[in-house]
Protein backbone atom coordinates (compact mmCIF):
# COMPACT_ATOMS: atom_id res chain seq x y z
CA UNK A 1 143.92 -11.31 40.23
CA UNK A 2 145.77 -12.67 37.22
CA UNK A 3 147.57 -15.89 38.27
CA UNK A 4 150.07 -15.33 35.46
CA UNK A 5 151.58 -12.58 37.62
CA UNK A 6 153.06 -15.28 39.88
CA UNK A 7 155.45 -16.21 37.07
CA UNK A 8 156.76 -12.63 37.04
CA UNK A 9 157.78 -12.59 40.71
CA UNK A 10 161.52 -12.91 40.08
CA UNK A 11 161.53 -10.26 37.35
CA UNK A 12 159.56 -7.86 39.53
CA UNK A 13 161.84 -8.49 42.50
CA UNK A 14 164.86 -7.73 40.29
CA UNK A 15 163.23 -4.41 39.40
CA UNK A 16 162.63 -3.81 43.11
CA UNK A 17 166.35 -4.28 43.82
CA UNK A 18 167.15 -1.77 41.07
CA UNK A 19 164.61 0.64 42.55
CA UNK A 20 166.37 0.24 45.91
CA UNK A 21 169.57 1.41 44.25
CA UNK A 22 167.84 4.56 42.99
CA UNK A 23 166.35 5.22 46.43
CA UNK A 24 169.72 4.72 48.11
CA UNK A 25 171.37 7.21 45.78
CA UNK A 26 168.58 9.71 46.39
CA UNK A 27 168.82 9.22 50.16
CA UNK A 28 172.56 9.93 50.13
CA UNK A 29 172.59 12.72 47.54
CA UNK A 30 169.09 14.19 47.78
CA UNK A 31 168.18 13.43 44.16
CA UNK A 32 168.75 10.51 41.80
CA UNK A 33 167.94 9.57 38.24
CA UNK A 34 166.13 6.33 37.48
CA UNK A 35 169.17 5.49 35.37
CA UNK A 36 171.12 4.97 38.63
CA UNK A 37 169.20 1.75 39.08
CA UNK A 38 170.82 0.19 36.02
CA UNK A 39 174.44 0.59 37.07
CA UNK A 40 174.74 -2.94 38.46
CA UNK A 41 173.30 -4.41 35.27
CA UNK A 42 175.83 -2.56 33.16
CA UNK A 43 178.70 -3.57 35.43
CA UNK A 44 177.70 -7.24 35.61
CA UNK A 45 176.95 -7.53 31.90
CA UNK A 46 173.27 -8.34 32.44
CA UNK A 47 172.31 -5.97 29.65
CA UNK A 48 174.50 -7.88 27.17
CA UNK A 49 173.03 -11.15 28.42
CA UNK A 50 169.59 -10.01 27.24
CA UNK A 51 170.76 -9.14 23.72
CA UNK A 52 170.08 -11.56 20.90
CA UNK A 53 173.22 -10.46 19.06
CA UNK A 54 175.43 -9.14 21.85
CA UNK A 55 177.43 -6.02 21.06
CA UNK A 56 176.18 -5.61 17.50
CA UNK A 57 172.84 -3.82 17.84
CA UNK A 58 172.68 -0.30 19.27
CA UNK A 59 168.90 -0.24 18.80
CA UNK A 60 168.46 -3.52 20.63
CA UNK A 61 170.69 -2.35 23.47
CA UNK A 62 168.61 0.81 23.81
CA UNK A 63 165.41 -1.24 23.86
CA UNK A 64 166.77 -3.37 26.73
CA UNK A 65 167.83 -0.28 28.67
CA UNK A 66 164.46 1.36 28.13
CA UNK A 67 162.70 -1.77 29.33
CA UNK A 68 164.83 -1.84 32.49
CA UNK A 69 164.24 1.86 33.09
CA UNK A 70 160.50 1.42 32.62
CA UNK A 71 160.41 -1.46 35.13
CA UNK A 72 162.25 0.60 37.73
CA UNK A 73 159.95 3.58 37.18
CA UNK A 74 156.88 1.37 37.51
CA UNK A 75 158.20 -0.05 40.80
CA UNK A 76 158.92 3.41 42.21
CA UNK A 77 155.45 4.55 41.19
CA UNK A 78 153.94 1.44 42.82
CA UNK A 79 155.71 2.20 46.09
CA UNK A 80 154.55 5.80 46.05
CA UNK A 81 150.95 4.74 45.35
CA UNK A 82 150.95 2.06 48.06
CA UNK A 83 152.64 4.10 50.78
CA UNK A 84 151.27 7.56 49.96
CA UNK A 85 152.56 10.14 52.50
CA UNK A 86 154.65 7.54 54.31
CA UNK A 87 156.90 7.15 51.24
CA UNK A 88 160.01 9.28 51.88
CA UNK A 89 160.62 10.08 48.22
CA UNK A 90 158.92 12.09 45.50
CA UNK A 91 158.75 10.56 42.04
CA UNK A 92 158.93 13.13 39.27
CA UNK A 93 159.48 12.07 35.68
CA UNK A 94 162.75 10.18 35.51
CA UNK A 95 164.06 11.29 38.89
CA UNK A 96 163.53 10.60 42.57
CA UNK A 97 163.86 13.26 45.28
CA UNK A 98 164.42 12.40 48.95
CA UNK A 99 162.02 13.70 51.61
CA UNK A 100 163.12 12.25 55.00
CA UNK A 101 160.60 10.19 56.95
CA UNK A 102 159.65 11.03 60.52
CA UNK A 103 161.13 7.86 62.01
CA UNK A 104 163.93 6.79 59.68
CA UNK A 105 162.48 3.27 59.61
CA UNK A 106 162.05 3.20 55.83
CA UNK A 107 165.58 4.51 55.29
CA UNK A 108 167.09 1.97 57.67
CA UNK A 109 165.19 -0.93 56.08
CA UNK A 110 166.46 0.25 52.69
CA UNK A 111 170.05 0.38 53.96
CA UNK A 112 169.96 -3.03 55.65
CA UNK A 113 168.34 -4.61 52.59
CA UNK A 114 171.37 -3.51 50.57
CA UNK A 115 173.91 -4.17 53.34
CA UNK A 116 172.46 -6.93 55.59
CA UNK A 117 175.85 -7.81 57.11
CA UNK A 118 176.80 -4.21 57.82
CA UNK A 119 178.79 -3.66 60.99
CA UNK A 120 181.33 -1.29 62.49
CA UNK A 121 183.09 -0.96 65.83
CA UNK A 122 180.82 0.71 68.34
CA UNK A 123 177.70 0.24 66.20
CA UNK A 124 175.15 -2.61 66.39
CA UNK A 125 174.98 -5.11 63.55
CA UNK A 126 172.61 -3.90 60.85
CA UNK A 127 170.53 -7.07 61.25
CA UNK A 128 170.27 -6.50 65.01
CA UNK A 129 168.82 -3.03 64.53
CA UNK A 130 166.38 -4.37 61.94
CA UNK A 131 165.16 -6.95 64.46
CA UNK A 132 164.59 -4.19 67.03
CA UNK A 133 162.50 -2.33 64.47
CA UNK A 134 160.62 -5.52 63.56
CA UNK A 135 159.88 -6.21 67.24
CA UNK A 136 158.60 -2.69 67.90
CA UNK A 137 156.44 -2.51 64.77
CA UNK A 138 154.98 -5.96 65.41
CA UNK A 139 154.08 -4.88 68.96
CA UNK A 140 152.50 -1.73 67.55
CA UNK A 141 150.39 -3.81 65.17
CA UNK A 142 149.28 -6.23 67.89
CA UNK A 143 147.93 -3.25 69.81
CA UNK A 144 147.94 -1.28 73.04
CA UNK A 145 149.76 -3.02 75.87
CA UNK A 146 151.70 -5.47 73.68
CA UNK A 147 155.27 -6.17 74.75
CA UNK A 148 158.22 -7.31 72.69
CA UNK A 149 161.49 -9.19 73.12
CA UNK A 150 164.32 -9.81 70.66
CA UNK A 151 165.70 -13.35 70.72
CA UNK A 152 167.80 -13.05 67.53
CA UNK A 153 171.54 -13.63 67.31
CA UNK A 154 173.92 -12.09 68.21
CA UNK A 155 172.79 -10.54 71.51
CA UNK A 156 173.54 -6.86 72.06
CA UNK A 157 174.98 -5.66 75.36
CA UNK A 158 172.11 -3.21 75.84
CA UNK A 159 169.64 -6.13 76.00
CA UNK A 160 171.15 -7.68 79.12
CA UNK A 161 170.27 -11.22 78.11
CA UNK A 162 173.66 -12.93 78.27
CA UNK A 163 175.38 -14.75 75.46
CA UNK A 164 173.70 -18.16 75.52
CA UNK A 165 170.36 -19.40 74.27
CA UNK A 166 169.28 -20.66 77.68
CA UNK A 167 169.91 -17.23 79.25
CA UNK A 168 167.91 -15.53 76.51
CA UNK A 169 164.85 -17.70 76.92
CA UNK A 170 164.98 -17.70 80.70
CA UNK A 171 164.91 -13.90 80.64
CA UNK A 172 162.00 -13.99 78.17
CA UNK A 173 160.15 -16.42 80.43
CA UNK A 174 160.58 -14.09 83.42
CA UNK A 175 158.98 -11.31 81.41
CA UNK A 176 156.07 -13.15 79.82
CA UNK A 177 155.48 -16.12 82.17
CA UNK A 178 155.54 -18.64 79.34
CA UNK A 179 158.34 -20.03 77.09
CA UNK A 180 159.67 -22.40 79.76
CA UNK A 181 163.22 -23.63 79.07
CA UNK A 182 163.04 -27.43 79.38
CA UNK A 183 164.94 -29.27 76.62
CA UNK A 184 163.94 -32.79 75.73
CA UNK A 185 165.97 -35.48 77.51
CA UNK A 186 168.39 -36.14 74.65
CA UNK A 187 169.28 -32.42 74.29
CA UNK A 188 171.88 -30.45 76.32
CA UNK A 189 170.47 -28.18 79.01
CA UNK A 190 172.78 -25.27 78.18
CA UNK A 191 174.13 -25.60 74.62
CA UNK A 192 176.95 -23.25 73.57
CA UNK A 193 176.25 -20.71 70.78
CA UNK A 194 178.15 -22.80 68.22
CA UNK A 195 175.45 -25.47 68.63
CA UNK A 196 172.36 -23.32 69.18
CA UNK A 197 171.97 -19.57 68.69
CA UNK A 198 168.36 -18.35 68.43
CA UNK A 199 166.63 -21.61 67.43
CA UNK A 200 165.33 -19.87 64.31
CA UNK A 201 163.32 -17.28 66.27
CA UNK A 202 164.16 -13.56 66.03
CA UNK A 203 161.42 -11.67 67.88
CA UNK A 204 158.60 -12.48 70.30
CA UNK A 205 155.66 -10.17 70.94
CA UNK A 206 152.86 -10.89 73.39
CA UNK A 207 149.80 -9.13 74.80
CA UNK A 208 149.22 -9.71 78.52
CA UNK A 209 145.72 -10.28 79.82
CA UNK A 210 144.37 -7.59 82.18
CA UNK A 211 143.65 -10.31 84.76
CA UNK A 212 147.31 -11.35 84.86
CA UNK A 213 146.65 -14.97 83.89
CA UNK A 214 148.61 -16.77 81.19
CA UNK A 215 147.56 -18.28 77.84
CA UNK A 216 148.35 -14.96 76.16
CA UNK A 217 148.39 -13.90 72.52
CA UNK A 218 151.88 -14.49 71.12
CA UNK A 219 153.35 -13.44 67.77
CA UNK A 220 156.63 -15.07 66.76
CA UNK A 221 158.76 -13.34 64.13
CA UNK A 222 161.27 -14.56 61.57
CA UNK A 223 163.29 -11.64 60.14
CA UNK A 224 164.80 -11.49 56.65
CA UNK A 225 167.28 -8.88 55.42
CA UNK A 226 169.21 -10.40 52.50
CA UNK A 227 167.87 -10.48 48.96
CA UNK A 228 168.19 -14.28 48.91
CA UNK A 229 165.94 -14.52 51.99
CA UNK A 230 162.75 -13.45 50.22
CA UNK A 231 161.61 -16.95 49.38
CA UNK A 232 159.49 -19.74 50.75
CA UNK A 233 162.45 -21.60 52.27
CA UNK A 234 163.39 -18.65 54.48
CA UNK A 235 159.75 -18.11 55.39
CA UNK A 236 159.52 -21.71 56.60
CA UNK A 237 162.59 -21.48 58.88
CA UNK A 238 160.53 -20.54 61.91
CA UNK A 239 159.54 -23.98 63.19
CA UNK A 240 157.19 -24.32 66.15
CA UNK A 241 158.07 -28.01 66.31
CA UNK A 242 161.79 -27.24 66.64
CA UNK A 243 161.18 -24.65 69.35
CA UNK A 244 159.08 -27.12 71.30
CA UNK A 245 162.09 -29.40 71.64
CA UNK A 246 163.72 -26.74 73.83
CA UNK A 247 160.78 -24.88 75.34
CA UNK A 248 158.05 -26.94 77.07
CA UNK A 249 155.53 -25.55 77.02
CA UNK A 250 156.36 -23.00 74.36
CA UNK A 251 153.17 -21.06 75.08
CA UNK A 252 149.70 -22.12 76.13
CA UNK A 253 147.86 -20.91 73.04
CA UNK A 254 148.83 -21.47 69.43
CA UNK A 255 151.13 -18.57 68.43
CA UNK A 256 150.83 -16.37 65.35
CA UNK A 257 153.75 -16.81 62.95
CA UNK A 258 155.13 -13.68 61.26
CA UNK A 259 157.67 -12.98 58.51
CA UNK A 260 159.29 -9.53 58.59
CA UNK A 261 161.38 -8.41 55.61
CA UNK A 262 163.58 -5.38 55.02
CA UNK A 263 162.80 -5.59 51.29
CA UNK A 264 159.73 -4.54 49.36
CA UNK A 265 157.76 -7.51 48.06
CA UNK A 266 156.40 -6.09 44.79
CA UNK A 267 154.65 -9.16 43.40
CA UNK A 268 151.29 -9.66 45.15
CA UNK A 269 151.06 -13.34 44.22
CA UNK A 270 154.48 -13.88 45.78
CA UNK A 271 153.35 -11.98 48.86
CA UNK A 272 150.43 -14.38 49.22
CA UNK A 273 152.77 -17.37 48.80
CA UNK A 274 155.05 -16.05 51.53
CA UNK A 275 152.02 -15.49 53.74
CA UNK A 276 151.00 -19.12 53.40
CA UNK A 277 154.53 -20.30 54.25
CA UNK A 278 155.68 -17.72 56.78
CA UNK A 279 152.50 -16.37 58.35
CA UNK A 280 151.65 -12.68 58.61
CA UNK A 281 154.03 -10.81 56.28
CA UNK A 282 155.48 -7.37 57.02
CA UNK A 283 157.61 -6.03 54.17
CA UNK A 284 159.35 -2.66 54.11
CA UNK A 285 156.21 -0.81 53.04
CA UNK A 286 154.13 -2.23 55.88
CA UNK A 287 156.85 -1.78 58.49
CA UNK A 288 157.45 1.84 57.51
CA UNK A 289 153.77 2.77 57.23
CA UNK A 290 153.02 1.38 60.69
CA UNK A 291 156.06 3.15 62.15
CA UNK A 292 155.12 6.48 60.56
CA UNK A 293 151.59 6.18 61.96
CA UNK A 294 152.90 6.10 65.55
CA UNK A 295 156.53 7.33 65.69
CA UNK A 296 156.79 7.06 69.47
CA UNK A 297 156.23 3.30 69.24
CA UNK A 298 159.52 2.85 67.41
CA UNK A 299 161.69 5.10 69.58
CA UNK A 300 165.32 4.39 68.90
CA UNK A 301 167.18 1.71 70.84
CA UNK A 302 170.63 2.05 72.47
CA UNK A 303 170.79 5.74 71.55
CA UNK A 304 170.45 5.04 67.81
CA UNK A 305 169.24 7.58 65.28
CA UNK A 306 167.81 5.45 62.45
CA UNK A 307 168.41 8.19 59.87
CA UNK A 308 172.08 8.49 60.79
CA UNK A 309 172.69 4.74 60.96
CA UNK A 310 170.87 4.21 57.64
CA UNK A 311 173.22 6.67 55.94
CA UNK A 312 176.23 5.00 57.59
CA UNK A 313 175.36 1.51 56.36
CA UNK A 314 174.30 2.78 52.93
CA UNK A 315 177.65 4.55 52.51
CA UNK A 316 179.45 1.45 53.77
CA UNK A 317 177.77 -0.66 51.09
CA UNK A 318 178.51 1.92 48.37
CA UNK A 319 182.21 2.13 49.28
């Protein structure tokens, strides 16, 4: 692998965001041109920022636009090649046609990546639904018999885990037998949400032993939806040391750390960096491919249709 590619991680991620815009348009309208991915650049003036002599060179402007278009096309082609039949779009020339996935997981991850704070009365927060998906896919990857629990904030009424951190972890402990709530002496026993929400932990997956004894395999997940979350700082937020101030013992074997992102991570060198900082990385491609392989493992939560909710949040962001 060429180490120089690491230096291109920000440029390639920018192209990935533009490719998301094309996919979102295709998802909502059935078909989209690659040119749709350059609308934000035109609006924000990013095209002019790349010109040597802004506003005076038609040829130079065209060269910048062609370069942007080429980068978007390359990213769409990369996604298609990586995901194969699990990719819910068909790339053809300069256009992208939508072919709905079986589960709606890809579409929802796309929508939440563009609208991470999406919400509406009567609907779960977009980030909450993403964490449900992350939990279920992580359990699928761990294997047969694995169980999952969402600890992320805010709680949803369907989860029945109360509104405080202590209640959440006590319910988790009842289910898995580990994660014992026992704050260090200088910490409050039942801190209010304004002081402690999820302690930096979004999902917990474990695989019980057939003999019923503890010291189980645990995977702890940090979820990332926003475009500014795809960096090493976000990947490092999940701190075992911090959790062990509140949970003693946390678990009896060293847990596996995981980083689950709604975005595509197009730069392989960056993916490896995130893996060193955040643990096992699941980006949109990996989440969707695993979900499509076993659709029943990601059955919708709280009566949600991922296709429908993806369209809702995508339209909300576009409005």
